[in-house]
Protein backbone atom coordinates (compact mmCIF):
# COMPACT_ATOMS: atom_id res chain seq x y z
CA MET A 1 -9.18 9.05 -12.30
CA SER A 2 -7.45 6.90 -10.08
CA ARG A 3 -4.32 8.73 -8.06
CA TYR A 4 -2.33 5.52 -8.35
CA SER A 5 -1.36 3.19 -11.50
CA GLU A 6 -2.70 0.06 -11.20
CA GLU A 7 1.24 -1.43 -10.84
CA PHE A 8 1.55 0.82 -7.98
CA LYS A 9 -1.79 -0.62 -6.45
CA ARG A 10 -0.61 -3.93 -7.08
CA ASP A 11 3.50 -3.16 -5.76
CA ALA A 12 1.48 -2.04 -2.68
CA VAL A 13 -0.50 -4.59 -1.88
CA THR A 14 2.30 -7.14 -2.55
CA LEU A 15 4.18 -5.33 -0.19
CA TYR A 16 1.91 -5.61 2.70
CA GLU A 17 1.26 -8.90 1.92
CA ASN A 18 4.89 -10.65 1.65
CA ASN A 19 6.10 -8.57 5.19
CA GLU A 20 4.03 -10.04 8.17
CA GLU A 21 6.18 -7.87 10.65
CA LEU A 22 5.04 -4.61 8.36
CA SER A 23 1.90 -3.00 9.74
CA LEU A 24 -0.64 -1.39 7.66
CA ASN A 25 0.63 2.28 9.17
CA SER A 26 4.03 1.30 8.39
CA ALA A 27 3.58 0.22 4.65
CA SER A 28 1.90 3.30 4.13
CA ALA A 29 4.44 5.17 5.36
CA GLU A 30 7.32 3.17 3.53
CA LEU A 31 5.32 4.16 0.48
CA GLY A 32 4.60 7.85 0.61
CA ILE A 33 1.04 7.62 1.14
CA ASN A 34 -1.80 7.82 3.56
CA ARG A 35 -3.02 4.67 5.28
CA ALA A 36 -6.65 4.67 4.15
CA SER A 37 -5.37 4.73 0.31
CA LEU A 38 -3.44 1.57 1.16
CA HIS A 39 -6.26 -0.19 2.65
CA CYS A 40 -8.61 0.95 -0.08
CA ALA A 41 -6.22 -0.96 -2.65
CA GLY A 42 -6.17 -3.72 -1.00
């Protein structure tokens, strides 16, 4: 079972993709998730 909703995943990827200066580490910290979780979401 997925820990994150599909909407959260889409929003997380959108946040990262729409902020060129935001690193993967910064994006994951802002979202309060593990970097690997954000990487897998994309």
